[in-house]
Amino acid sequence: MAKIAFIGVGKIGQTIAYSIIMDGLASEAFLYDVIPELPEKFEHELRHALATRGINTNIISTNNVQDVNNAEVVVITAGKPRKPGMSRRDLFVDNAKIMMGLAKDLVPRNPGAKYVMVTNPVDMMASVFMNYSKAFTISTGDQVETMRMRSFIAKKLKVPVTKVNGFVGGEHGEDAVILWSTVTVDGKPFDEFQLKRDDVDQYVKGIAAEIIRVMGGTTWGPATIIKDVVRSIVLNENRVMSVATPHKVDGEYIHIAVPTVVGNFIGPSLESVLPQDEREKLNKALRDVHSVYKENMAQLVGTA
C-alpha cells in the first residue's frame, strides 16, 4: 500500500478515489479540493464505505493543498470538466493555469512522488505540469481508449474480453491511433475476423462524446481503468499499458501514449518493436500535440 493523494474530488475524482481506496491500495489518502466542505463530506462517505469493508485507510481531507505532504502517488483530476459539445483541447487555458499552480505547490512537499494526470486535455496537462515542476509525470493517455477498443471487439465478435489484446496510442481522444499490429483475438490477427477496422476506430473515437451527451460525463470506465494504472505502480505489477510518457521536443516535455511497462518504474515502451508505419503515426501525433501545445501556451501567455 502507498500514500496516495487525490487532487480534485469532483465527480471523476471521487470515483477514482473510491476505486483505488476500496481496492486496498492506499495506506493513507489525501483528499484535496478548492470547494469548501467537499473533501470533508466525501471523507465521511468513504469512511462509511470502508467501515463495512473493514478497510483501515487513514484519510485526510482538506481545502489547503499545503496539507498534502509526502505522498508517493499523486492523482490529479482538478480542473474544469469537459461538457457536451466541447473538445478536450477547449479546456487548455483554464486548466493549464491550475496545473501551473499545482506544480509550484505540490512538488516541494511530495519529493519523489509519481504524478498521474487525469485532467483534460490530459496529455497536454501532463506536459504543462512536468514542464513547470520538472517532476516525472505520466498521463492516463490512451489506456481508456485501449479498453474501449477491446470491449467493443469482444462485444461484436461475441468473445470474452480476456481473449482480446492490443493497444491504442498517440494523443488521447479523437486523434488516437489504433496500433493494429498489436490487436489480436484469441491470439489471431484482427484482420482474420469479420469486423471492419473503421467500425472499431469510429467507436473508440466517438463513444466518449456520446456518453457525455447522454450522461453528462464519462466516469465508471475511466475511473476503473485509472485505478488499474495506479495499482500497477503501487504493486509493481509491470503491466503493459498505453499511458502517455514524456518525450523531449525542442527542450520541452511533450506527452503521447505508447504501450509502456508500468510498475514502480515506468518503462520501457514497446515503440521500438512496432512496425515503421505505426511508429511514424506516433511521431506525427507527437508533432501535432507539440504544435497545439505551443499555440495554446502562447494563448495562455497572452491572457495572463
C-alpha atoms as a PDB file:
ATOM      1  CA  MET A   1       0.000   0.000   0.000  1.00  0.00           C
ATOM      2  CA  ALA A   2       1.036   3.601  -0.542  1.00  0.00           C
ATOM      3  CA  LYS A   3       0.302   7.170   0.446  1.00  0.00           C
ATOM      4  CA  ILE A   4      -1.884   8.442  -2.384  1.00  0.00           C
ATOM      5  CA  ALA A   5      -3.107  11.997  -2.934  1.00  0.00           C
ATOM      6  CA  PHE A   6      -6.232  12.843  -4.912  1.00  0.00           C
ATOM      7  CA  ILE A   7      -6.046  16.416  -6.181  1.00  0.00           C
ATOM      8  CA  GLY A   8      -9.630  17.274  -7.096  1.00  0.00           C
ATOM      9  CA  VAL A   9     -12.559  15.267  -5.764  1.00  0.00           C
ATOM     10  CA  GLY A  10     -15.338  16.184  -8.150  1.00  0.00           C
ATOM     11  CA  LYS A  11     -17.329  13.502  -9.928  1.00  0.00           C
ATOM     12  CA  ILE A  12     -14.431  11.735 -11.642  1.00  0.00           C
ATOM     13  CA  GLY A  13     -12.029  12.376  -8.755  1.00  0.00           C
ATOM     14  CA  GLN A  14     -14.430  10.802  -6.282  1.00  0.00           C
ATOM     15  CA  THR A  15     -14.943   7.743  -8.445  1.00  0.00           C
ATOM     16  CA  ILE A  16     -11.200   7.241  -8.935  1.00  0.00           C
ATOM     17  CA  ALA A  17     -10.500   7.712  -5.224  1.00  0.00           C
ATOM     18  CA  TYR A  18     -13.278   5.297  -4.283  1.00  0.00           C
ATOM     19  CA  SER A  19     -11.992   2.663  -6.718  1.00  0.00           C
ATOM     20  CA  ILE A  20      -8.390   2.944  -5.510  1.00  0.00           C
ATOM     21  CA  ILE A  21      -9.137   3.056  -1.788  1.00  0.00           C
ATOM     22  CA  MET A  22     -11.703   0.247  -1.913  1.00  0.00           C
ATOM     23  CA  ASP A  23      -9.128  -1.849  -3.783  1.00  0.00           C
ATOM     24  CA  GLY A  24      -6.933  -1.606  -0.699  1.00  0.00           C
ATOM     25  CA  LEU A  25      -4.136   0.288  -2.440  1.00  0.00           C
ATOM     26  CA  ALA A  26      -3.852   3.273  -0.091  1.00  0.00           C
ATOM     27  CA  SER A  27      -2.471   3.155   3.438  1.00  0.00           C
ATOM     28  CA  GLU A  28      -3.148   6.887   3.593  1.00  0.00           C
ATOM     29  CA  ALA A  29      -5.279   9.014   1.278  1.00  0.00           C
ATOM     30  CA  PHE A  30      -5.279  12.787   0.887  1.00  0.00           C
ATOM     31  CA  LEU A  31      -8.488  14.314  -0.486  1.00  0.00           C
ATOM     32  CA  TYR A  32      -7.990  17.863  -1.732  1.00  0.00           C
ATOM     33  CA  ASP A  33     -10.379  20.256  -3.468  1.00  0.00           C
ATOM     34  CA  VAL A  34     -10.925  24.003  -3.514  1.00  0.00           C
ATOM     35  CA  ILE A  35     -14.688  23.668  -2.955  1.00  0.00           C
ATOM     36  CA  PRO A  36     -15.448  24.286   0.734  1.00  0.00           C
ATOM     37  CA  GLU A  37     -16.580  21.207   2.696  1.00  0.00           C
ATOM     38  CA  LEU A  38     -16.466  18.902  -0.342  1.00  0.00           C
ATOM     39  CA  PRO A  39     -13.375  16.902   0.711  1.00  0.00           C
ATOM     40  CA  GLU A  40     -14.641  16.621   4.288  1.00  0.00           C
ATOM     41  CA  LYS A  41     -18.092  15.352   3.309  1.00  0.00           C
ATOM     42  CA  PHE A  42     -16.588  12.948   0.779  1.00  0.00           C
ATOM     43  CA  GLU A  43     -14.323  11.683   3.562  1.00  0.00           C
ATOM     44  CA  HIS A  44     -17.408  10.832   5.615  1.00  0.00           C
ATOM     45  CA  GLU A  45     -18.894   8.919   2.691  1.00  0.00           C
ATOM     46  CA  LEU A  46     -15.669   6.981   2.208  1.00  0.00           C
ATOM     47  CA  ARG A  47     -15.401   6.153   5.893  1.00  0.00           C
ATOM     48  CA  HIS A  48     -18.908   4.726   5.844  1.00  0.00           C
ATOM     49  CA  ALA A  49     -17.987   2.514   2.892  1.00  0.00           C
ATOM     50  CA  LEU A  50     -14.660   1.498   4.429  1.00  0.00           C
ATOM     51  CA  ALA A  51     -16.366   0.525   7.687  1.00  0.00           C
ATOM     52  CA  THR A  52     -18.488  -2.136   6.016  1.00  0.00           C
ATOM     53  CA  ARG A  53     -15.451  -3.472   4.126  1.00  0.00           C
ATOM     54  CA  GLY A  54     -13.154  -3.412   7.155  1.00  0.00           C
ATOM     55  CA  ILE A  55     -10.506  -1.374   5.333  1.00  0.00           C
ATOM     56  CA  ASN A  56      -8.229   0.717   7.560  1.00  0.00           C
ATOM     57  CA  THR A  57      -7.099   3.578   5.338  1.00  0.00           C
ATOM     58  CA  ASN A  58      -6.136   6.820   7.051  1.00  0.00           C
ATOM     59  CA  ILE A  59      -7.970   9.640   5.254  1.00  0.00           C
ATOM     60  CA  ILE A  60      -7.005  13.316   5.374  1.00  0.00           C
ATOM     61  CA  SER A  61      -9.436  15.766   3.764  1.00  0.00           C
ATOM     62  CA  THR A  62      -8.537  19.383   3.173  1.00  0.00           C
ATOM     63  CA  ASN A  63      -9.164  22.593   1.249  1.00  0.00           C
ATOM     64  CA  ASN A  64      -5.500  23.533   1.711  1.00  0.00           C
ATOM     65  CA  VAL A  65      -3.100  21.983  -0.796  1.00  0.00           C
ATOM     66  CA  GLN A  66      -0.260  22.589   1.662  1.00  0.00           C
ATOM     67  CA  ASP A  67      -1.692  19.779   3.802  1.00  0.00           C
ATOM     68  CA  VAL A  68      -0.749  17.260   1.099  1.00  0.00           C
ATOM     69  CA  ASN A  69       2.693  16.018   2.155  1.00  0.00           C
ATOM     70  CA  ASN A  70       4.923  13.034   1.408  1.00  0.00           C
ATOM     71  CA  ALA A  71       2.513  11.305  -0.963  1.00  0.00           C
ATOM     72  CA  GLU A  72       4.040   8.562  -3.089  1.00  0.00           C
ATOM     73  CA  VAL A  73       1.468   8.754  -5.878  1.00  0.00           C
ATOM     74  CA  VAL A  74      -0.452  11.917  -6.780  1.00  0.00           C
ATOM     75  CA  VAL A  75      -3.556  11.614  -8.975  1.00  0.00           C
ATOM     76  CA  ILE A  76      -4.588  14.963 -10.466  1.00  0.00           C
ATOM     77  CA  THR A  77      -8.176  15.476 -11.640  1.00  0.00           C
ATOM     78  CA  ALA A  78      -8.515  19.157 -10.640  1.00  0.00           C
ATOM     79  CA  GLY A  79      -9.881  21.486 -13.281  1.00  0.00           C
ATOM     80  CA  LYS A  80     -12.877  22.201 -15.416  1.00  0.00           C
ATOM     81  CA  PRO A  81     -14.585  19.117 -16.854  1.00  0.00           C
ATOM     82  CA  ARG A  82     -15.406  18.551 -20.495  1.00  0.00           C
ATOM     83  CA  LYS A  83     -19.018  19.436 -21.288  1.00  0.00           C
ATOM     84  CA  PRO A  84     -21.251  18.410 -24.208  1.00  0.00           C
ATOM     85  CA  GLY A  85     -20.002  19.944 -27.454  1.00  0.00           C
ATOM     86  CA  MET A  86     -16.546  20.736 -26.085  1.00  0.00           C
ATOM     87  CA  SER A  87     -13.314  19.205 -27.282  1.00  0.00           C
ATOM     88  CA  ARG A  88     -10.676  18.287 -24.724  1.00  0.00           C
ATOM     89  CA  ARG A  89      -8.429  20.953 -26.218  1.00  0.00           C
ATOM     90  CA  ASP A  90     -11.046  23.651 -25.484  1.00  0.00           C
ATOM     91  CA  LEU A  91     -10.166  23.276 -21.812  1.00  0.00           C
ATOM     92  CA  PHE A  92      -6.477  24.066 -22.182  1.00  0.00           C
ATOM     93  CA  VAL A  93      -6.079  27.651 -20.954  1.00  0.00           C
ATOM     94  CA  ASP A  94      -8.181  27.437 -17.793  1.00  0.00           C
ATOM     95  CA  ASN A  95      -6.821  24.069 -16.724  1.00  0.00           C
ATOM     96  CA  ALA A  96      -3.208  24.920 -17.583  1.00  0.00           C
ATOM     97  CA  LYS A  97      -3.337  27.792 -15.091  1.00  0.00           C
ATOM     98  CA  ILE A  98      -4.422  25.310 -12.425  1.00  0.00           C
ATOM     99  CA  MET A  99      -1.593  22.910 -13.344  1.00  0.00           C
ATOM    100  CA  MET A 100       0.993  25.686 -13.091  1.00  0.00           C
ATOM    101  CA  GLY A 101      -0.197  26.495  -9.581  1.00  0.00           C
ATOM    102  CA  LEU A 102      -0.241  22.860  -8.522  1.00  0.00           C
ATOM    103  CA  ALA A 103       3.246  22.318  -9.937  1.00  0.00           C
ATOM    104  CA  LYS A 104       4.536  25.035  -7.610  1.00  0.00           C
ATOM    105  CA  ASP A 105       2.579  23.874  -4.549  1.00  0.00           C
ATOM    106  CA  LEU A 106       2.726  20.083  -4.705  1.00  0.00           C
ATOM    107  CA  VAL A 107       6.203  19.092  -5.793  1.00  0.00           C
ATOM    108  CA  PRO A 108       8.257  20.613  -2.921  1.00  0.00           C
ATOM    109  CA  ARG A 109       6.021  18.867  -0.373  1.00  0.00           C
ATOM    110  CA  ASN A 110       5.920  15.486  -2.095  1.00  0.00           C
ATOM    111  CA  PRO A 111       9.503  14.648  -3.085  1.00  0.00           C
ATOM    112  CA  GLY A 112       9.880  11.612  -5.303  1.00  0.00           C
ATOM    113  CA  ALA A 113       6.159  11.213  -5.920  1.00  0.00           C
ATOM    114  CA  LYS A 114       4.844   9.802  -9.181  1.00  0.00           C
ATOM    115  CA  TYR A 115       2.274  12.124 -10.750  1.00  0.00           C
ATOM    116  CA  VAL A 116      -0.638  10.672 -12.725  1.00  0.00           C
ATOM    117  CA  MET A 117      -2.520  13.271 -14.762  1.00  0.00           C
ATOM    118  CA  VAL A 118      -6.242  12.827 -15.447  1.00  0.00           C
ATOM    119  CA  THR A 119      -7.349  16.441 -16.085  1.00  0.00           C
ATOM    120  CA  ASN A 120      -8.192  17.123 -19.742  1.00  0.00           C
ATOM    121  CA  PRO A 121      -6.704  17.729 -22.225  1.00  0.00           C
ATOM    122  CA  VAL A 122      -4.801  15.062 -20.359  1.00  0.00           C
ATOM    123  CA  ASP A 123      -1.619  14.731 -22.402  1.00  0.00           C
ATOM    124  CA  MET A 124      -1.031  18.467 -22.614  1.00  0.00           C
ATOM    125  CA  MET A 125      -1.873  18.964 -18.930  1.00  0.00           C
ATOM    126  CA  ALA A 126       0.775  16.366 -18.069  1.00  0.00           C
ATOM    127  CA  SER A 127       3.189  18.345 -20.242  1.00  0.00           C
ATOM    128  CA  VAL A 128       2.320  21.656 -18.549  1.00  0.00           C
ATOM    129  CA  PHE A 129       2.712  20.121 -15.100  1.00  0.00           C
ATOM    130  CA  MET A 130       6.035  18.436 -15.874  1.00  0.00           C
ATOM    131  CA  ASN A 131       7.495  21.407 -17.730  1.00  0.00           C
ATOM    132  CA  TYR A 132       6.747  23.685 -14.784  1.00  0.00           C
ATOM    133  CA  SER A 133       7.550  21.252 -11.967  1.00  0.00           C
ATOM    134  CA  LYS A 134      10.311  19.068 -13.514  1.00  0.00           C
ATOM    135  CA  ALA A 135       8.718  16.164 -11.588  1.00  0.00           C
ATOM    136  CA  PHE A 136       8.200  12.931 -13.519  1.00  0.00           C
ATOM    137  CA  THR A 137       4.614  12.828 -14.750  1.00  0.00           C
ATOM    138  CA  ILE A 138       2.556  10.458 -16.829  1.00  0.00           C
ATOM    139  CA  SER A 139      -0.937  10.905 -18.127  1.00  0.00           C
ATOM    140  CA  THR A 140      -3.502   8.157 -18.381  1.00  0.00           C
ATOM    141  CA  GLY A 141      -3.035   8.538 -22.126  1.00  0.00           C
ATOM    142  CA  ASP A 142      -4.868   6.044 -24.294  1.00  0.00           C
ATOM    143  CA  GLN A 143      -5.340   3.297 -21.732  1.00  0.00           C
ATOM    144  CA  VAL A 144      -9.026   4.239 -21.643  1.00  0.00           C
ATOM    145  CA  GLU A 145      -9.242   4.048 -25.457  1.00  0.00           C
ATOM    146  CA  THR A 146      -7.405   0.730 -25.316  1.00  0.00           C
ATOM    147  CA  MET A 147     -10.064  -0.763 -23.059  1.00  0.00           C
ATOM    148  CA  ARG A 148     -12.866   0.774 -25.120  1.00  0.00           C
ATOM    149  CA  MET A 149     -11.377  -0.902 -28.188  1.00  0.00           C
ATOM    150  CA  ARG A 150     -11.044  -4.291 -26.505  1.00  0.00           C
ATOM    151  CA  SER A 151     -14.560  -4.147 -25.096  1.00  0.00           C
ATOM    152  CA  PHE A 152     -16.083  -3.236 -28.476  1.00  0.00           C
ATOM    153  CA  ILE A 153     -14.260  -6.016 -30.331  1.00  0.00           C
ATOM    154  CA  ALA A 154     -15.264  -8.531 -27.668  1.00  0.00           C
ATOM    155  CA  LYS A 155     -18.922  -7.496 -27.874  1.00  0.00           C
ATOM    156  CA  LYS A 156     -19.063  -7.541 -31.672  1.00  0.00           C
ATOM    157  CA  LEU A 157     -17.275 -10.879 -32.023  1.00  0.00           C
ATOM    158  CA  LYS A 158     -19.071 -12.391 -29.012  1.00  0.00           C
ATOM    159  CA  VAL A 159     -15.871 -13.483 -27.310  1.00  0.00           C
ATOM    160  CA  PRO A 160     -14.653 -12.939 -23.726  1.00  0.00           C
ATOM    161  CA  VAL A 161     -12.847  -9.620 -23.434  1.00  0.00           C
ATOM    162  CA  THR A 162      -9.895 -11.514 -21.944  1.00  0.00           C
ATOM    163  CA  LYS A 163      -9.377 -13.036 -25.411  1.00  0.00           C
ATOM    164  CA  VAL A 164      -8.828  -9.589 -26.963  1.00  0.00           C
ATOM    165  CA  ASN A 165      -5.450  -7.892 -26.855  1.00  0.00           C
ATOM    166  CA  GLY A 166      -3.999  -4.763 -28.418  1.00  0.00           C
ATOM    167  CA  PHE A 167      -3.329  -1.100 -27.786  1.00  0.00           C
ATOM    168  CA  VAL A 168      -4.244   2.435 -28.824  1.00  0.00           C
ATOM    169  CA  GLY A 169      -1.564   5.128 -28.864  1.00  0.00           C
ATOM    170  CA  GLY A 170      -0.853   8.727 -29.772  1.00  0.00           C
ATOM    171  CA  GLU A 171      -2.985  11.535 -28.360  1.00  0.00           C
ATOM    172  CA  HIS A 172      -5.845  10.799 -26.008  1.00  0.00           C
ATOM    173  CA  GLY A 173      -9.162  11.464 -27.724  1.00  0.00           C
ATOM    174  CA  GLU A 174     -10.388  11.871 -31.268  1.00  0.00           C
ATOM    175  CA  ASP A 175      -6.860  11.726 -32.748  1.00  0.00           C
ATOM    176  CA  ALA A 176      -5.881   8.454 -31.075  1.00  0.00           C
ATOM    177  CA  VAL A 177      -4.208   5.804 -33.244  1.00  0.00           C
ATOM    178  CA  ILE A 178      -5.175   2.141 -33.058  1.00  0.00           C
ATOM    179  CA  LEU A 179      -1.963   0.134 -33.218  1.00  0.00           C
ATOM    180  CA  TRP A 180      -3.359  -2.624 -35.393  1.00  0.00           C
ATOM    181  CA  SER A 181      -0.192  -4.707 -35.357  1.00  0.00           C
ATOM    182  CA  THR A 182      -0.821  -5.344 -31.648  1.00  0.00           C
ATOM    183  CA  VAL A 183      -4.522  -6.262 -31.955  1.00  0.00           C
ATOM    184  CA  THR A 184      -5.329  -9.953 -31.662  1.00  0.00           C
ATOM    185  CA  VAL A 185      -8.362 -12.060 -30.799  1.00  0.00           C
ATOM    186  CA  ASP A 186      -7.593 -15.372 -29.106  1.00  0.00           C
ATOM    187  CA  GLY A 187      -4.051 -14.993 -30.394  1.00  0.00           C
ATOM    188  CA  LYS A 188      -5.079 -14.489 -34.028  1.00  0.00           C
ATOM    189  CA  PRO A 189      -4.588 -11.249 -36.011  1.00  0.00           C
ATOM    190  CA  PHE A 190      -7.604  -8.943 -36.012  1.00  0.00           C
ATOM    191  CA  ASP A 191      -7.943  -8.974 -39.810  1.00  0.00           C
ATOM    192  CA  GLU A 192      -8.819 -12.671 -39.766  1.00  0.00           C
ATOM    193  CA  PHE A 193     -12.204 -11.767 -38.260  1.00  0.00           C
ATOM    194  CA  GLN A 194     -15.338 -10.310 -39.846  1.00  0.00           C
ATOM    195  CA  LEU A 195     -15.160  -6.893 -38.246  1.00  0.00           C
ATOM    196  CA  LYS A 196     -14.119  -3.705 -40.019  1.00  0.00           C
ATOM    197  CA  ARG A 197     -11.285  -1.574 -38.753  1.00  0.00           C
ATOM    198  CA  ASP A 198     -13.321   1.570 -39.454  1.00  0.00           C
ATOM    199  CA  ASP A 199     -16.136   0.390 -37.183  1.00  0.00           C
ATOM    200  CA  VAL A 200     -13.706  -0.133 -34.311  1.00  0.00           C
ATOM    201  CA  ASP A 201     -11.983   3.183 -34.982  1.00  0.00           C
ATOM    202  CA  GLN A 202     -15.260   5.124 -35.030  1.00  0.00           C
ATOM    203  CA  TYR A 203     -16.390   3.556 -31.766  1.00  0.00           C
ATOM    204  CA  VAL A 204     -13.111   4.216 -29.954  1.00  0.00           C
ATOM    205  CA  LYS A 205     -13.033   7.869 -31.046  1.00  0.00           C
ATOM    206  CA  GLY A 206     -16.722   8.640 -30.756  1.00  0.00           C
ATOM    207  CA  ILE A 207     -18.164   6.824 -27.758  1.00  0.00           C
ATOM    208  CA  ALA A 208     -16.902   9.314 -25.149  1.00  0.00           C
ATOM    209  CA  ALA A 209     -18.798  12.199 -26.763  1.00  0.00           C
ATOM    210  CA  GLU A 210     -21.953  10.070 -26.897  1.00  0.00           C
ATOM    211  CA  ILE A 211     -21.676   9.138 -23.221  1.00  0.00           C
ATOM    212  CA  ILE A 212     -21.096  12.786 -22.307  1.00  0.00           C
ATOM    213  CA  ARG A 213     -24.105  13.841 -24.399  1.00  0.00           C
ATOM    214  CA  VAL A 214     -26.455  11.460 -22.578  1.00  0.00           C
ATOM    215  CA  MET A 215     -24.889  11.022 -19.126  1.00  0.00           C
ATOM    216  CA  GLY A 216     -23.061  14.312 -18.697  1.00  0.00           C
ATOM    217  CA  GLY A 217     -19.637  12.716 -18.367  1.00  0.00           C
ATOM    218  CA  THR A 218     -17.580   9.552 -18.568  1.00  0.00           C
ATOM    219  CA  THR A 219     -16.966   8.191 -15.100  1.00  0.00           C
ATOM    220  CA  TRP A 220     -17.083   4.482 -14.334  1.00  0.00           C
ATOM    221  CA  GLY A 221     -14.956   3.200 -17.194  1.00  0.00           C
ATOM    222  CA  PRO A 222     -12.143   5.755 -16.851  1.00  0.00           C
ATOM    223  CA  ALA A 223     -12.111   5.548 -13.036  1.00  0.00           C
ATOM    224  CA  THR A 224     -11.696   1.778 -13.013  1.00  0.00           C
ATOM    225  CA  ILE A 225      -9.038   1.897 -15.733  1.00  0.00           C
ATOM    226  CA  ILE A 226      -7.132   4.671 -13.939  1.00  0.00           C
ATOM    227  CA  LYS A 227      -7.324   2.643 -10.730  1.00  0.00           C
ATOM    228  CA  ASP A 228      -5.549  -0.167 -12.571  1.00  0.00           C
ATOM    229  CA  VAL A 229      -2.783   2.226 -13.672  1.00  0.00           C
ATOM    230  CA  VAL A 230      -2.245   3.252 -10.042  1.00  0.00           C
ATOM    231  CA  ARG A 231      -2.472  -0.375  -8.939  1.00  0.00           C
ATOM    232  CA  SER A 232       0.279  -1.368 -11.352  1.00  0.00           C
ATOM    233  CA  ILE A 233       2.505   1.398  -9.948  1.00  0.00           C
ATOM    234  CA  VAL A 234       1.812   0.669  -6.279  1.00  0.00           C
ATOM    235  CA  LEU A 235       2.074  -3.129  -6.541  1.00  0.00           C
ATOM    236  CA  ASN A 236       4.864  -3.023  -9.148  1.00  0.00           C
ATOM    237  CA  GLU A 237       2.818  -5.246 -11.465  1.00  0.00           C
ATOM    238  CA  ASN A 238       4.783  -4.209 -14.574  1.00  0.00           C
ATOM    239  CA  ARG A 239       1.714  -4.372 -16.785  1.00  0.00           C
ATOM    240  CA  VAL A 240       1.948  -3.030 -20.326  1.00  0.00           C
ATOM    241  CA  MET A 241      -0.416  -0.062 -20.508  1.00  0.00           C
ATOM    242  CA  SER A 242      -0.917   2.690 -23.062  1.00  0.00           C
ATOM    243  CA  VAL A 243      -0.075   5.586 -20.761  1.00  0.00           C
ATOM    244  CA  ALA A 244       1.383   8.846 -22.038  1.00  0.00           C
ATOM    245  CA  THR A 245       5.021   9.376 -21.141  1.00  0.00           C
ATOM    246  CA  PRO A 246       7.239  12.433 -21.661  1.00  0.00           C
ATOM    247  CA  HIS A 247       9.205  12.928 -24.886  1.00  0.00           C
ATOM    248  CA  LYS A 248      11.674  15.803 -25.234  1.00  0.00           C
ATOM    249  CA  VAL A 249      10.785  18.087 -28.175  1.00  0.00           C
ATOM    250  CA  ASP A 250      12.656  21.387 -28.605  1.00  0.00           C
ATOM    251  CA  GLY A 251      13.637  21.307 -24.961  1.00  0.00           C
ATOM    252  CA  GLU A 252      10.072  20.730 -23.689  1.00  0.00           C
ATOM    253  CA  TYR A 253       8.364  17.640 -22.329  1.00  0.00           C
ATOM    254  CA  ILE A 254       5.506  16.536 -24.588  1.00  0.00           C
ATOM    255  CA  HIS A 255       3.337  13.550 -23.691  1.00  0.00           C
ATOM    256  CA  ILE A 256       1.859  10.973 -26.028  1.00  0.00           C
ATOM    257  CA  ALA A 257       0.687   7.447 -25.329  1.00  0.00           C
ATOM    258  CA  VAL A 258       2.790   4.426 -26.240  1.00  0.00           C
ATOM    259  CA  PRO A 259       2.362   0.904 -24.813  1.00  0.00           C
ATOM    260  CA  THR A 260       4.696   1.054 -21.824  1.00  0.00           C
ATOM    261  CA  VAL A 261       5.616  -1.158 -18.877  1.00  0.00           C
ATOM    262  CA  VAL A 262       4.002   0.377 -15.786  1.00  0.00           C
ATOM    263  CA  GLY A 263       5.336  -0.537 -12.373  1.00  0.00           C
ATOM    264  CA  ASN A 264       7.314   1.152  -9.654  1.00  0.00           C
ATOM    265  CA  PHE A 265       9.464   2.252 -12.573  1.00  0.00           C
ATOM    266  CA  ILE A 266       7.772   3.487 -15.758  1.00  0.00           C
ATOM    267  CA  GLY A 267       9.249   1.893 -18.900  1.00  0.00           C
ATOM    268  CA  PRO A 268      10.475   0.661 -21.220  1.00  0.00           C
ATOM    269  CA  SER A 269       7.958   1.243 -24.016  1.00  0.00           C
ATOM    270  CA  LEU A 270       7.179  -1.120 -26.879  1.00  0.00           C
ATOM    271  CA  GLU A 271       7.627   1.592 -29.510  1.00  0.00           C
ATOM    272  CA  SER A 272      10.794   0.063 -30.950  1.00  0.00           C
ATOM    273  CA  VAL A 273       9.039  -3.218 -31.805  1.00  0.00           C
ATOM    274  CA  LEU A 274       6.142  -1.576 -33.643  1.00  0.00           C
ATOM    275  CA  PRO A 275       6.181  -1.561 -37.455  1.00  0.00           C
ATOM    276  CA  GLN A 276       7.540   1.554 -39.120  1.00  0.00           C
ATOM    277  CA  ASP A 277       4.154   2.895 -40.268  1.00  0.00           C
ATOM    278  CA  GLU A 278       2.820   2.835 -36.704  1.00  0.00           C
ATOM    279  CA  ARG A 279       5.960   4.475 -35.328  1.00  0.00           C
ATOM    280  CA  GLU A 280       5.514   7.199 -37.936  1.00  0.00           C
ATOM    281  CA  LYS A 281       1.911   7.731 -36.804  1.00  0.00           C
ATOM    282  CA  LEU A 282       3.088   8.075 -33.216  1.00  0.00           C
ATOM    283  CA  ASN A 283       5.766  10.561 -34.291  1.00  0.00           C
ATOM    284  CA  LYS A 284       3.149  12.547 -36.202  1.00  0.00           C
ATOM    285  CA  ALA A 285       0.943  12.564 -33.092  1.00  0.00           C
ATOM    286  CA  LEU A 286       3.902  13.842 -31.073  1.00  0.00           C
ATOM    287  CA  ARG A 287       4.493  16.674 -33.552  1.00  0.00           C
ATOM    288  CA  ASP A 288       0.796  17.554 -33.634  1.00  0.00           C
ATOM    289  CA  VAL A 289       0.483  17.637 -29.847  1.00  0.00           C
ATOM    290  CA  HIS A 290       3.616  19.758 -29.614  1.00  0.00           C
ATOM    291  CA  SER A 291       2.268  22.211 -32.191  1.00  0.00           C
ATOM    292  CA  VAL A 292      -1.065  22.604 -30.391  1.00  0.00           C
ATOM    293  CA  TYR A 293       0.703  22.788 -27.047  1.00  0.00           C
ATOM    294  CA  LYS A 294       2.834  25.710 -28.258  1.00  0.00           C
ATOM    295  CA  GLU A 295      -0.199  27.505 -29.726  1.00  0.00           C
ATOM    296  CA  ASN A 296      -2.170  27.111 -26.521  1.00  0.00           C
ATOM    297  CA  MET A 297       0.730  28.189 -24.335  1.00  0.00           C
ATOM    298  CA  ALA A 298       1.062  31.330 -26.472  1.00  0.00           C
ATOM    299  CA  GLN A 299      -2.655  31.978 -25.936  1.00  0.00           C
ATOM    300  CA  LEU A 300      -2.223  31.405 -22.208  1.00  0.00           C
ATOM    301  CA  VAL A 301       0.630  33.900 -22.003  1.00  0.00           C
ATOM    302  CA  GLY A 302      -1.498  36.374 -23.961  1.00  0.00           C
ATOM    303  CA  THR A 303      -4.330  36.119 -21.416  1.00  0.00           C
ATOM    304  CA  ALA A 304      -2.117  36.283 -18.354  1.00  0.00           C
END
